[in-house]
Amino acid sequence: MVSLSEAASIALHGLILIAREKEGLNVIKIAERTNTSKHHVAKVMQRLVKAGYLYSQRGPSGGFVLKKKAEDINFLDIYETIEGNIEINTCPMDKPICPFDKCIMNNVTNKMTTEFRNYLKEQTIDQYL
């Protein structure tokens, strides 16, 4: 089963929540709405600021607003910003010697990874507003 880390989930949910608000959202509101730690939300949001997806406004009335249009932000870019590039592994067992002439898992892992990447790339923030 493919799963997202909490950080990737916070990033995706946070961006959608921010995109829904004209005035933006602060860390506390994002943490409340996603039921996650405000410290973890703050770390994730700062990574998205550094990557150029968000503006950060400090102060009591501060928060985050989108730096890019929602339709220009796809899930793959966000996932890879948080988790690193999705690699296609040729051997899920990571063994130098295989008892078979042809890897029995290579096509499965390649197809699953390709499908996962394609799905994430097709999903954009604006589709969830």
N, C-alpha and C. Protein backbone atom coordinates (compact mmCIF):
# COMPACT_ATOMS: atom_id res chain seq x y z
N MET A 1 0.83 -1.18 0.00
CA MET A 1 0.00 0.00 0.00
C MET A 1 0.88 1.25 0.00
N VAL A 2 0.55 2.18 -0.85
CA VAL A 2 1.27 3.45 -0.90
C VAL A 2 0.70 4.35 0.18
N SER A 3 1.57 5.01 0.91
CA SER A 3 1.09 5.93 1.94
C SER A 3 1.92 7.20 1.92
N LEU A 4 1.33 8.26 2.42
CA LEU A 4 2.02 9.54 2.52
C LEU A 4 2.49 9.72 3.96
N SER A 5 3.63 10.35 4.11
CA SER A 5 4.09 10.68 5.45
C SER A 5 3.20 11.77 6.02
N GLU A 6 3.26 11.97 7.31
CA GLU A 6 2.49 13.04 7.93
C GLU A 6 2.90 14.39 7.36
N ALA A 7 4.20 14.58 7.11
CA ALA A 7 4.69 15.85 6.57
C ALA A 7 4.11 16.12 5.18
N ALA A 8 4.08 15.11 4.32
CA ALA A 8 3.52 15.29 2.98
C ALA A 8 2.03 15.57 3.06
N SER A 9 1.35 14.89 3.97
CA SER A 9 -0.08 15.12 4.15
C SER A 9 -0.35 16.54 4.65
N ILE A 10 0.44 17.00 5.60
CA ILE A 10 0.30 18.38 6.10
C ILE A 10 0.53 19.37 4.97
N ALA A 11 1.53 19.12 4.16
CA ALA A 11 1.84 20.03 3.04
C ALA A 11 0.66 20.13 2.08
N LEU A 12 0.14 19.00 1.66
CA LEU A 12 -0.97 19.00 0.69
C LEU A 12 -2.24 19.59 1.29
N HIS A 13 -2.61 19.13 2.48
CA HIS A 13 -3.82 19.66 3.12
C HIS A 13 -3.65 21.15 3.44
N GLY A 14 -2.48 21.51 3.93
CA GLY A 14 -2.23 22.91 4.25
C GLY A 14 -2.35 23.82 3.05
N LEU A 15 -1.78 23.42 1.92
CA LEU A 15 -1.87 24.23 0.71
C LEU A 15 -3.32 24.40 0.25
N ILE A 16 -4.10 23.34 0.33
CA ILE A 16 -5.51 23.43 -0.06
C ILE A 16 -6.27 24.36 0.88
N LEU A 17 -6.03 24.23 2.18
CA LEU A 17 -6.69 25.12 3.14
C LEU A 17 -6.31 26.58 2.90
N ILE A 18 -5.03 26.82 2.66
CA ILE A 18 -4.55 28.18 2.39
C ILE A 18 -5.19 28.73 1.13
N ALA A 19 -5.27 27.90 0.09
CA ALA A 19 -5.85 28.35 -1.18
C ALA A 19 -7.32 28.71 -1.04
N ARG A 20 -8.01 28.10 -0.09
CA ARG A 20 -9.43 28.38 0.12
C ARG A 20 -9.67 29.72 0.83
N GLU A 21 -8.65 30.23 1.49
CA GLU A 21 -8.78 31.47 2.26
C GLU A 21 -8.16 32.64 1.51
N LYS A 22 -8.91 33.70 1.33
CA LYS A 22 -8.39 34.87 0.63
C LYS A 22 -7.31 35.60 1.45
N GLU A 23 -7.46 35.58 2.76
CA GLU A 23 -6.53 36.29 3.64
C GLU A 23 -5.36 35.41 4.09
N GLY A 24 -5.38 34.14 3.74
CA GLY A 24 -4.34 33.23 4.17
C GLY A 24 -4.65 32.62 5.53
N LEU A 25 -3.78 31.74 5.98
CA LEU A 25 -3.95 31.05 7.26
C LEU A 25 -2.65 31.03 8.02
N ASN A 26 -2.75 31.02 9.35
CA ASN A 26 -1.54 30.90 10.17
C ASN A 26 -1.35 29.44 10.60
N VAL A 27 -0.22 29.18 11.23
CA VAL A 27 0.15 27.83 11.65
C VAL A 27 -0.90 27.24 12.59
N ILE A 28 -1.37 28.03 13.53
CA ILE A 28 -2.32 27.52 14.52
C ILE A 28 -3.61 27.04 13.85
N LYS A 29 -4.13 27.82 12.92
CA LYS A 29 -5.37 27.43 12.23
C LYS A 29 -5.16 26.19 11.37
N ILE A 30 -4.02 26.11 10.69
CA ILE A 30 -3.74 24.92 9.87
C ILE A 30 -3.63 23.69 10.77
N ALA A 31 -2.92 23.83 11.89
CA ALA A 31 -2.76 22.71 12.83
C ALA A 31 -4.12 22.25 13.38
N GLU A 32 -4.98 23.21 13.71
CA GLU A 32 -6.32 22.86 14.23
C GLU A 32 -7.13 22.12 13.17
N ARG A 33 -7.11 22.62 11.95
CA ARG A 33 -7.94 22.03 10.89
C ARG A 33 -7.43 20.67 10.41
N THR A 34 -6.12 20.44 10.56
CA THR A 34 -5.55 19.15 10.15
C THR A 34 -5.32 18.22 11.34
N ASN A 35 -5.62 18.72 12.54
CA ASN A 35 -5.44 17.94 13.77
C ASN A 35 -4.01 17.42 13.90
N THR A 36 -3.05 18.33 13.69
CA THR A 36 -1.63 17.97 13.78
C THR A 36 -0.90 19.00 14.65
N SER A 37 0.32 18.68 14.99
CA SER A 37 1.15 19.54 15.83
C SER A 37 1.48 20.85 15.12
N LYS A 38 1.33 21.97 15.85
CA LYS A 38 1.66 23.26 15.24
C LYS A 38 3.15 23.36 14.92
N HIS A 39 3.98 22.68 15.69
CA HIS A 39 5.42 22.69 15.42
C HIS A 39 5.73 21.97 14.11
N HIS A 40 5.05 20.85 13.89
CA HIS A 40 5.25 20.11 12.64
C HIS A 40 4.72 20.92 11.46
N VAL A 41 3.56 21.54 11.63
CA VAL A 41 2.99 22.38 10.58
C VAL A 41 3.95 23.52 10.24
N ALA A 42 4.51 24.16 11.26
CA ALA A 42 5.44 25.28 11.04
C ALA A 42 6.65 24.84 10.21
N LYS A 43 7.21 23.68 10.54
CA LYS A 43 8.36 23.16 9.79
C LYS A 43 8.01 22.91 8.33
N VAL A 44 6.87 22.26 8.11
CA VAL A 44 6.45 21.93 6.75
C VAL A 44 6.17 23.20 5.95
N MET A 45 5.47 24.15 6.55
CA MET A 45 5.14 25.39 5.84
C MET A 45 6.40 26.17 5.48
N GLN A 46 7.39 26.18 6.36
CA GLN A 46 8.64 26.87 6.04
C GLN A 46 9.36 26.22 4.87
N ARG A 47 9.28 24.92 4.76
CA ARG A 47 9.87 24.24 3.60
C ARG A 47 9.16 24.65 2.32
N LEU A 48 7.84 24.83 2.40
CA LEU A 48 7.08 25.26 1.22
C LEU A 48 7.36 26.72 0.88
N VAL A 49 7.64 27.53 1.89
CA VAL A 49 8.05 28.93 1.65
C VAL A 49 9.39 28.93 0.92
N LYS A 50 10.36 28.18 1.43
CA LYS A 50 11.69 28.11 0.82
C LYS A 50 11.64 27.57 -0.60
N ALA A 51 10.70 26.68 -0.88
CA ALA A 51 10.57 26.09 -2.21
C ALA A 51 9.80 27.00 -3.17
N GLY A 52 9.26 28.11 -2.66
CA GLY A 52 8.59 29.07 -3.53
C GLY A 52 7.10 28.86 -3.75
N TYR A 53 6.45 28.08 -2.90
CA TYR A 53 5.01 27.84 -3.04
C TYR A 53 4.17 28.80 -2.21
N LEU A 54 4.76 29.34 -1.14
CA LEU A 54 4.03 30.20 -0.21
C LEU A 54 4.79 31.47 0.10
N TYR A 55 4.02 32.52 0.42
CA TYR A 55 4.55 33.71 1.07
C TYR A 55 4.27 33.55 2.56
N SER A 56 5.18 34.02 3.38
CA SER A 56 4.98 33.99 4.82
C SER A 56 4.91 35.42 5.33
N GLN A 57 3.86 35.72 6.09
CA GLN A 57 3.71 37.04 6.70
C GLN A 57 3.76 36.87 8.20
N ARG A 58 4.71 37.55 8.84
CA ARG A 58 4.88 37.43 10.29
C ARG A 58 3.94 38.37 11.04
N GLY A 59 3.81 38.11 12.32
CA GLY A 59 3.03 39.00 13.17
C GLY A 59 1.68 38.42 13.54
N PRO A 60 0.95 39.15 14.40
CA PRO A 60 -0.35 38.67 14.89
C PRO A 60 -1.37 38.44 13.77
N SER A 61 -1.32 39.24 12.73
CA SER A 61 -2.26 39.05 11.62
C SER A 61 -1.60 38.33 10.45
N GLY A 62 -0.45 37.74 10.72
CA GLY A 62 0.30 37.07 9.67
C GLY A 62 -0.24 35.69 9.34
N GLY A 63 0.44 35.04 8.45
CA GLY A 63 0.05 33.70 8.03
C GLY A 63 0.69 33.40 6.69
N PHE A 64 0.12 32.44 6.00
CA PHE A 64 0.65 32.00 4.72
C PHE A 64 -0.37 32.24 3.62
N VAL A 65 0.11 32.66 2.47
CA VAL A 65 -0.71 32.78 1.26
C VAL A 65 0.05 32.12 0.12
N LEU A 66 -0.69 31.68 -0.89
CA LEU A 66 -0.05 31.04 -2.05
C LEU A 66 0.81 32.05 -2.80
N LYS A 67 1.95 31.60 -3.23
CA LYS A 67 2.84 32.40 -4.07
C LYS A 67 2.60 32.08 -5.55
N LYS A 68 2.12 30.87 -5.81
CA LYS A 68 1.80 30.43 -7.17
C LYS A 68 0.29 30.23 -7.27
N LYS A 69 -0.20 30.20 -8.49
CA LYS A 69 -1.62 29.91 -8.70
C LYS A 69 -1.90 28.46 -8.31
N ALA A 70 -3.07 28.23 -7.73
CA ALA A 70 -3.44 26.88 -7.29
C ALA A 70 -3.39 25.87 -8.43
N GLU A 71 -3.76 26.31 -9.64
CA GLU A 71 -3.75 25.38 -10.78
C GLU A 71 -2.34 25.04 -11.25
N ASP A 72 -1.35 25.80 -10.79
CA ASP A 72 0.04 25.55 -11.17
C ASP A 72 0.80 24.73 -10.14
N ILE A 73 0.13 24.30 -9.09
CA ILE A 73 0.78 23.51 -8.05
C ILE A 73 0.22 22.09 -8.10
N ASN A 74 1.08 21.15 -8.52
CA ASN A 74 0.61 19.76 -8.56
C ASN A 74 1.15 18.98 -7.35
N PHE A 75 0.46 17.91 -7.03
CA PHE A 75 0.80 17.12 -5.85
C PHE A 75 2.19 16.50 -5.94
N LEU A 76 2.63 16.13 -7.13
CA LEU A 76 3.95 15.52 -7.27
C LEU A 76 5.04 16.49 -6.83
N ASP A 77 4.95 17.73 -7.28
CA ASP A 77 5.96 18.71 -6.90
C ASP A 77 5.99 18.91 -5.39
N ILE A 78 4.83 18.95 -4.77
CA ILE A 78 4.77 19.13 -3.32
C ILE A 78 5.32 17.90 -2.61
N TYR A 79 4.89 16.72 -3.06
CA TYR A 79 5.38 15.48 -2.46
C TYR A 79 6.91 15.42 -2.52
N GLU A 80 7.47 15.72 -3.68
CA GLU A 80 8.92 15.63 -3.84
C GLU A 80 9.64 16.75 -3.10
N THR A 81 8.99 17.88 -2.89
CA THR A 81 9.58 18.94 -2.07
C THR A 81 9.75 18.46 -0.63
N ILE A 82 8.79 17.73 -0.15
CA ILE A 82 8.82 17.25 1.23
C ILE A 82 9.60 15.95 1.38
N GLU A 83 9.39 15.01 0.49
CA GLU A 83 9.94 13.65 0.63
C GLU A 83 11.19 13.38 -0.20
N GLY A 84 11.47 14.23 -1.17
CA GLY A 84 12.55 13.94 -2.11
C GLY A 84 11.97 13.25 -3.33
N ASN A 85 12.79 13.09 -4.34
CA ASN A 85 12.32 12.50 -5.60
C ASN A 85 11.88 11.06 -5.42
N ILE A 86 10.81 10.72 -6.12
CA ILE A 86 10.33 9.34 -6.13
C ILE A 86 11.20 8.57 -7.12
N GLU A 87 11.90 7.60 -6.63
CA GLU A 87 12.80 6.81 -7.46
C GLU A 87 12.13 5.50 -7.86
N ILE A 88 12.43 5.06 -9.07
CA ILE A 88 11.97 3.74 -9.50
C ILE A 88 13.06 2.75 -9.11
N ASN A 89 12.74 1.91 -8.15
CA ASN A 89 13.70 0.90 -7.69
C ASN A 89 13.56 -0.33 -8.56
N THR A 90 14.69 -0.84 -9.00
CA THR A 90 14.64 -2.02 -9.86
C THR A 90 14.45 -3.30 -9.06
N CYS A 91 14.93 -3.32 -7.83
CA CYS A 91 14.76 -4.52 -7.01
C CYS A 91 14.23 -4.10 -5.64
N PRO A 92 13.00 -4.47 -5.32
CA PRO A 92 12.46 -4.10 -4.03
C PRO A 92 13.18 -4.77 -2.86
N MET A 93 13.89 -5.87 -3.15
CA MET A 93 14.63 -6.55 -2.10
C MET A 93 16.04 -6.00 -1.97
N ASP A 94 16.45 -5.17 -2.93
CA ASP A 94 17.76 -4.54 -2.93
C ASP A 94 18.89 -5.57 -2.76
N LYS A 95 18.81 -6.61 -3.54
CA LYS A 95 19.80 -7.69 -3.48
C LYS A 95 20.69 -7.66 -4.72
N PRO A 96 21.99 -7.83 -4.54
CA PRO A 96 22.88 -7.84 -5.71
C PRO A 96 22.76 -9.12 -6.54
N ILE A 97 22.31 -10.20 -5.93
CA ILE A 97 22.18 -11.47 -6.64
C ILE A 97 20.71 -11.90 -6.60
N CYS A 98 20.17 -12.21 -7.77
CA CYS A 98 18.77 -12.64 -7.87
C CYS A 98 18.75 -14.11 -8.29
N PRO A 99 17.91 -14.92 -7.68
CA PRO A 99 17.85 -16.33 -8.05
C PRO A 99 17.15 -16.58 -9.39
N PHE A 100 16.61 -15.54 -10.00
CA PHE A 100 15.89 -15.68 -11.26
C PHE A 100 16.64 -14.96 -12.37
N ASP A 101 16.51 -15.48 -13.59
CA ASP A 101 17.14 -14.82 -14.73
C ASP A 101 16.48 -13.47 -15.03
N LYS A 102 15.18 -13.42 -14.79
CA LYS A 102 14.43 -12.18 -15.02
C LYS A 102 13.76 -11.80 -13.71
N CYS A 103 13.93 -10.56 -13.30
CA CYS A 103 13.35 -10.09 -12.04
C CYS A 103 11.83 -10.22 -12.08
N ILE A 104 11.29 -10.89 -11.10
CA ILE A 104 9.84 -11.09 -11.08
C ILE A 104 9.10 -9.86 -10.53
N MET A 105 9.79 -8.95 -9.88
CA MET A 105 9.15 -7.79 -9.27
C MET A 105 9.39 -6.49 -10.03
N ASN A 106 10.36 -6.46 -10.92
CA ASN A 106 10.75 -5.21 -11.57
C ASN A 106 9.59 -4.52 -12.27
N ASN A 107 8.84 -5.26 -13.08
CA ASN A 107 7.72 -4.65 -13.79
C ASN A 107 6.64 -4.15 -12.84
N VAL A 108 6.41 -4.87 -11.77
CA VAL A 108 5.40 -4.47 -10.79
C VAL A 108 5.80 -3.16 -10.12
N THR A 109 7.03 -3.09 -9.61
CA THR A 109 7.45 -1.87 -8.92
C THR A 109 7.57 -0.69 -9.87
N ASN A 110 8.05 -0.94 -11.08
CA ASN A 110 8.14 0.16 -12.05
C ASN A 110 6.76 0.70 -12.39
N LYS A 111 5.82 -0.21 -12.63
CA LYS A 111 4.45 0.21 -12.99
C LYS A 111 3.78 0.95 -11.83
N MET A 112 3.91 0.43 -10.63
CA MET A 112 3.31 1.08 -9.47
C MET A 112 3.89 2.47 -9.25
N THR A 113 5.19 2.59 -9.35
CA THR A 113 5.84 3.88 -9.15
C THR A 113 5.43 4.87 -10.23
N THR A 114 5.41 4.41 -11.47
CA THR A 114 5.01 5.27 -12.59
C THR A 114 3.57 5.73 -12.42
N GLU A 115 2.67 4.81 -12.07
CA GLU A 115 1.26 5.16 -11.86
C GLU A 115 1.10 6.16 -10.72
N PHE A 116 1.82 5.95 -9.63
CA PHE A 116 1.77 6.85 -8.47
C PHE A 116 2.25 8.24 -8.86
N ARG A 117 3.38 8.31 -9.56
CA ARG A 117 3.92 9.61 -10.00
C ARG A 117 2.93 10.31 -10.92
N ASN A 118 2.38 9.58 -11.88
CA ASN A 118 1.43 10.17 -12.84
C ASN A 118 0.18 10.69 -12.13
N TYR A 119 -0.32 9.92 -11.18
CA TYR A 119 -1.50 10.35 -10.43
C TYR A 119 -1.21 11.65 -9.69
N LEU A 120 -0.10 11.69 -8.97
CA LEU A 120 0.25 12.90 -8.22
C LEU A 120 0.44 14.10 -9.14
N LYS A 121 1.04 13.87 -10.29
CA LYS A 121 1.29 14.97 -11.23
C LYS A 121 -0.02 15.55 -11.80
N GLU A 122 -1.02 14.69 -11.96
CA GLU A 122 -2.31 15.13 -12.51
C GLU A 122 -3.17 15.89 -11.50
N GLN A 123 -2.90 15.70 -10.22
CA GLN A 123 -3.69 16.35 -9.18
C GLN A 123 -3.12 17.74 -8.89
N THR A 124 -3.97 18.76 -8.97
CA THR A 124 -3.54 20.12 -8.65
C THR A 124 -4.38 20.68 -7.51
N ILE A 125 -3.83 21.65 -6.83
CA ILE A 125 -4.50 22.24 -5.67
C ILE A 125 -5.89 22.76 -6.02
N ASP A 126 -6.04 23.39 -7.17
CA ASP A 126 -7.34 23.99 -7.54
C ASP A 126 -8.45 22.95 -7.69
N GLN A 127 -8.10 21.70 -7.92
CA GLN A 127 -9.12 20.65 -8.05
C GLN A 127 -9.81 20.34 -6.73
N TYR A 128 -9.27 20.84 -5.63
CA TYR A 128 -9.80 20.53 -4.30
C TYR A 128 -10.36 21.76 -3.59
N LEU A 129 -10.58 22.82 -4.35
CA LEU A 129 -11.11 24.05 -3.74
C LEU A 129 -12.62 24.05 -3.73
